[in-house]
Protein backbone atom coordinates (compact mmCIF):
# COMPACT_ATOMS: atom_id res chain seq x y z
CA UNK A 1 -113.54 7.55 -2.46
CA UNK A 2 -111.25 6.90 -5.42
CA UNK A 3 -109.88 10.43 -5.28
CA UNK A 4 -108.94 10.13 -1.61
CA UNK A 5 -107.36 6.73 -2.26
CA UNK A 6 -105.33 8.19 -5.15
CA UNK A 7 -104.17 11.05 -2.90
CA UNK A 8 -103.14 8.54 -0.25
CA UNK A 9 -101.12 6.53 -2.79
CA UNK A 10 -99.49 9.70 -4.10
CA UNK A 11 -98.60 10.75 -0.57
CA UNK A 12 -97.12 7.33 0.16
CA UNK A 13 -95.04 7.52 -3.02
CA UNK A 14 -93.69 10.95 -2.13
CA UNK A 15 -92.83 9.87 1.41
CA UNK A 16 -91.21 6.68 0.11
CA UNK A 17 -89.08 8.56 -2.41
CA UNK A 18 -88.00 11.06 0.22
CA UNK A 19 -87.02 8.27 2.59
CA UNK A 20 -85.11 6.44 -0.14
CA UNK A 21 -83.29 9.60 -1.19
CA UNK A 22 -82.22 10.39 2.37
CA UNK A 23 -81.08 6.78 2.87
CA UNK A 24 -78.98 6.87 -0.30
CA UNK A 25 -77.39 10.14 0.75
CA UNK A 26 -76.48 8.72 4.15
CA UNK A 27 -75.07 5.54 2.61
CA UNK A 28 -73.02 7.49 0.08
CA UNK A 29 -71.41 9.61 2.79
CA UNK A 30 -70.10 6.46 4.53
CA UNK A 31 -67.82 5.70 1.57
CA UNK A 32 -64.20 6.88 1.87
CA UNK A 33 -63.19 9.83 -0.28
CA UNK A 34 -60.02 11.15 -1.86
CA UNK A 35 -59.64 13.51 1.10
CA UNK A 36 -59.80 10.60 3.56
CA UNK A 37 -57.14 8.82 1.55
CA UNK A 38 -54.85 11.87 1.43
CA UNK A 39 -55.09 12.30 5.20
CA UNK A 40 -54.35 8.62 5.89
CA UNK A 41 -51.38 8.60 3.51
CA UNK A 42 -49.99 11.82 4.99
CA UNK A 43 -50.19 10.42 8.52
CA UNK A 44 -48.50 7.17 7.52
CA UNK A 45 -45.83 9.05 5.56
CA UNK A 46 -45.08 11.23 8.60
CA UNK A 47 -44.66 8.12 10.75
CA UNK A 48 -42.37 6.44 8.24
CA UNK A 49 -40.27 9.59 7.89
CA UNK A 50 -39.31 9.24 11.56
CA UNK A 51 -37.42 6.02 10.79
CA UNK A 52 -33.93 6.04 9.25
CA UNK A 53 -33.88 5.80 5.43
CA UNK A 54 -32.24 2.36 5.46
CA UNK A 55 -34.78 0.84 7.87
CA UNK A 56 -36.62 -2.15 6.38
CA UNK A 57 -39.93 -1.26 8.00
CA UNK A 58 -39.73 2.18 6.40
CA UNK A 59 -38.90 0.60 3.05
CA UNK A 60 -41.95 -1.67 3.14
CA UNK A 61 -44.18 1.10 4.51
CA UNK A 62 -43.21 3.32 1.59
CA UNK A 63 -44.13 0.51 -0.81
CA UNK A 64 -47.53 0.24 0.86
CA UNK A 65 -48.00 4.00 0.51
CA UNK A 66 -47.08 3.84 -3.16
CA UNK A 67 -49.73 1.15 -3.63
CA UNK A 68 -52.23 3.22 -1.63
CA UNK A 69 -51.82 6.14 -4.02
CA UNK A 70 -52.14 3.80 -7.00
CA UNK A 71 -55.42 2.47 -5.59
CA UNK A 72 -56.64 6.02 -5.01
CA UNK A 73 -55.81 6.87 -8.60
CA UNK A 74 -58.05 3.99 -9.66
CA UNK A 75 -60.89 5.33 -7.50
CA UNK A 76 -60.51 2.54 -4.93
CA UNK A 77 -60.44 4.75 -1.85
CA UNK A 78 -61.29 1.91 0.53
CA UNK A 79 -58.22 0.02 -0.71
CA UNK A 80 -56.19 3.21 -0.32
CA UNK A 81 -57.18 3.43 3.33
CA UNK A 82 -56.34 -0.25 3.79
CA UNK A 83 -52.86 0.14 2.31
CA UNK A 84 -52.22 3.29 4.37
CA UNK A 85 -53.23 1.35 7.49
CA UNK A 86 -50.80 -1.42 6.52
CA UNK A 87 -48.04 1.15 6.16
CA UNK A 88 -48.83 2.60 9.57
CA UNK A 89 -48.85 -0.86 11.11
CA UNK A 90 -45.55 -1.67 9.42
CA UNK A 91 -43.90 1.38 10.98
CA UNK A 92 -45.42 0.94 14.44
CA UNK A 93 -44.63 -2.76 14.76
CA UNK A 94 -41.25 -2.61 13.01
CA UNK A 95 -41.49 -6.24 12.01
CA UNK A 96 -38.54 -6.01 9.65
CA UNK A 97 -35.40 -5.09 11.51
CA UNK A 98 -32.00 -6.20 10.30
CA UNK A 99 -29.23 -7.22 12.65
CA UNK A 100 -26.39 -4.69 12.98
CA UNK A 101 -24.12 -4.65 9.96
CA UNK A 102 -26.66 -6.12 7.51
CA UNK A 103 -28.28 -4.14 4.73
CA UNK A 104 -31.14 -4.63 2.35
CA UNK A 105 -29.93 -4.80 -1.21
CA UNK A 106 -32.71 -3.77 -3.55
CA UNK A 107 -32.13 -5.16 -7.00
CA UNK A 108 -32.73 -3.05 -10.07
CA UNK A 109 -35.07 -4.20 -12.80
CA UNK A 110 -32.20 -5.44 -14.98
CA UNK A 111 -30.46 -7.47 -12.25
């Protein structure tokens, strides 16, 4: 009786480990990767390239993309996707449009 009980416990352990391993693999695949980040940044960059170079929405979108790549460099791929989404939203909504004749003057670090 003890031998059969020991076999049952061993079988339960093996099944439990297999289930845990498959669950961890599935959970790990849900995390964003560097490839996901590169695709999101490329799509947002293509959208922002359609706007004129002096457009404010393009300017802010490019800043978001710069931050997205910085986050990706730190291994924060979820933040990278978030910043790329912000850049895409910035371009699509064009929240920052200047009236005709006005320009954005970006100050240098020493100004």
